Each structure stands twice: as structure tokens, then as C-alpha cells.
């Protein structure tokens, strides 16, 4: 059977845009403050879920609402299940838009709205792909199920709940990232390294220079772009200020100093970046700590600063803990120090985001970190670990999606491995598959977010053929 998938999409283009506008006009931002039993993540999120379930029921799919946290639309028959994992929640719109962030306006061959590219546009493309396969009456040998999440932008409670109650697809894809195919994702571990404070006295307050407080960063997965340290000085400040001026010139960064309530305040501006590659930024906290490491501080303050300088500064590959590792699939292990906090009364803590290759032995790595941390008077707390995700490049799913992408675009389907985490890792055998095409700017989470209409149409054709190739009964 030869089907002109693009022609089928173009026949439905106006309806595709209209139905997409309908869901884009719903402000489906997490709202726990106004949550109810029927809308545990907020009324807007529930409304967006219900919009898609109602649309699916109208078009003849079998809908199911799973605890108002997730849902699905299903078609086809068979023991095997192909999953398409999407989400209808969005991040807050923020300020500075030139159009209504929930208008779904079409101009300059783009559709503008929060969620247009992440992930309502790709979701509607996948929905229309299912609709086309259904309307063409193509016989299916497997069931096809669109799984609709509502908490992807926060804690993934949607998929956690869903897969406690519903079956795991045999294979599937998530249209929630980039084309061509993301087949491997690093493991992601967040944890705190916490300073043990001796009860017999927090610090030696007779030292001429004491670290009163130190703060940098708020999120594990971001390189902090600001740091502040407060020092209590029982000696002349001029020498330190001259050293700090020289240091700022040496590292070529902006900073300032001033006296507040009798304490010397040092501030430093770094450069922010995503935590998946710390070298893309300049970590303000670690750089300021490297300056303070050359100053004689009180015992407790010195322990905190020296730990940062000796184990974490310029050691984003885990060198400080002896866990450097890389593989050919996902590359280097990386460690981002996203949070640094210290108060003289309570001691300090570091918040780390570690992304590790698919073949890395996490248990062994954690033991090595614990050993180094313990010998310096610190401990590990709040350890969480999202395991790596990897589908073999020779897997049927990967090979089919490669074929489809290449036939629809005429371009080679490169396999991508990333340090970030996509929705696909919720599936046992799943990959991220679009809908951002190579060379297009990534405007997800930004003001004036949009999706090219051309890309919306092209993605729909790709997904329709993918569903046919994965689940359709082929003529012999």
C-alpha cells in the first residue's frame, strides 16, 4: 500500500490548526494552590487533558482518564502495544510577549502560544497522525495508544501514576524533543553534600577572618551565575579588597564588595548554563570559593570553602571523587554544583547534579563519592537517581523510525545521545522523536514561543507513517 502521507495531512491542515488552537488557548500551568480532588494539578491542567480526551472520543478513539493525572486514547487490536507519550501541561508564560501567550495566533507561517512547541504542537501532530491512520481504515496488528501526561514540566507525577495502573507499551516514542532520534540519555542523580557541625562549638570565632555566610545557586541543574559571601573581619580589609580586585581582573568576571552591618560582603557574577554541561558556564559559587580558599578563615568556614576548592572547582568530570568516566554512547560523566549554602550557625551544604553515562557503575561511583566526602567531615543526603535510558541502535523501533524520517525528509537520521532527560525515559523501550527539526531555533520555555506551520505538518506526516510502519498490517 502506497500512501502519500503529506497529502493526507494537507487535506486536514485547517482542522489540525483549529484543534491545536483550541488546546493552546487553555492555560494548563501547574496550580497546586487551587488544586481539587478532580483537578489535582489545577483546573487548567485538567481542562487540557479533558480537551484531548473529548476530541479523541468524538473522533472514535477509546478514551480513558487515569486519576485526572493522565489519560490515553487508543485504537487498533492485538496483544502488543505501541505508545506515543505526550504532555499537555506547560511552563508559566512569563513576561515580555508580543502576542497573547494563550491566543494561538497564526502569523508569518508560525503558530504562537505557550506550549506551541513544548508540547501541545507536537502532541496535536501525533494526534492527527493517529486520526489519519484511523480514517484511512488501515488494518492494525498492534494497539496504538497516545498516553497524555499532565506534569512533565514538574515532577512527572502523571507518568508515575499512570504506569502504576496501566500497562507499559512494548515500544514507543515521545514527540517532546528533537528530530531525528534521541536513543540514549544519561542517568541523572541529584544529591546534597552536607557539612557535619560539631556540637561543641560551631566555629573558632577568635579567628581574625570568619565566614559568616555563603550562598550561590537555586537549582541543581543550572550553573549558578551569582554568588555572595559575607565575612566578619577583625583586621584591616584593604589587603583582601586589593586581592579581590586583582582576582576579578584575572578571571575576567564582574563583582563588587561593600560593608553591611559590620560585615564585608563579596559578590561575584558568573555565567549561567544548563547543568548537563557545566563547562558551558562559569560557576560563580565555585569561582568565589577558589578566591576564599587562599584566605585564612575560621575552622568551619575554611572546611566548607576548602572542600569546594579541592573537590569541586574545575572538576566537572568527577575528578575530585575519582569517578571520571566516559563511554562511546553518551560521553563524559559530568557534575554540576548547582547550589552552595553556608551559615555559620548551621554549617554548609552543596547541591550536586550528576549526569552519568549509560555504562557507568552507579553503585561503585556512589561509594567512591561517599568515601571522599566522609573523610572530609561531610555526608550525602537527599540522593535521587533517574537511571540512564538507552535503546540499542539495531532495535526494531530505532530502525523503523530511521527509515520513516529519511523517507519523509530526504535527510540522514542521525542518532542523538544527550545529557538531558526526555519523557521517553518513562518508557521501557522508547525514544524521543521530534518535533524540533535540525537547524530550527529552540524557543521552548521562551517568550513568543512558536512552531512553524510547515514543521507541524511535516511532523504529522512523519508520525502517521511511523504509526503505520510500527503497527500496521503489511500487504504480502
Foldseek 3Di string as FASTA:
>chain_A
DDDPLLVLLVVCLVVLLVLLLVLLLQQLEFDCVPADQLANRDDSLLVSQVSVQVVLVVLPWDKADQSSFKIKTKDADEDAEEEEEAESHFHDQDDDFPDAQSRQDDDPLWTWHGCCVAPSLVLSLLVVLVSSCVVVVFHWHHMYMYMYGRAQVHDRVSLVSVVVPDPFGPEYAYAGDEPDWAFWEFKKKKWKKFFDADPVALWDPVDQKAWAKKKFFDDQFKQTFKIKTKIQGNDDCPVVVVLVVVLCVVVVWDWDWDADPRIIMTMTGKFMDTNLDNVVIGRRRLSVLLSCQVPDYIPLVNLLSVCSPQQPRVPQQRVSLPQWDADPQAGTKGKHFRIWIQHSVGGIMTMIMITHGLPGDVVVSVVSVQVSSVVSRIHMPDIDMLHIGGDDCPDPLNVLSQVLVCVLPVDGGDHDYGHDDDPQSSHNHYIYRYQHYPPDDDQNPHHRDIDRSVSSSSSSSSSSVSCCSVIGDDDD
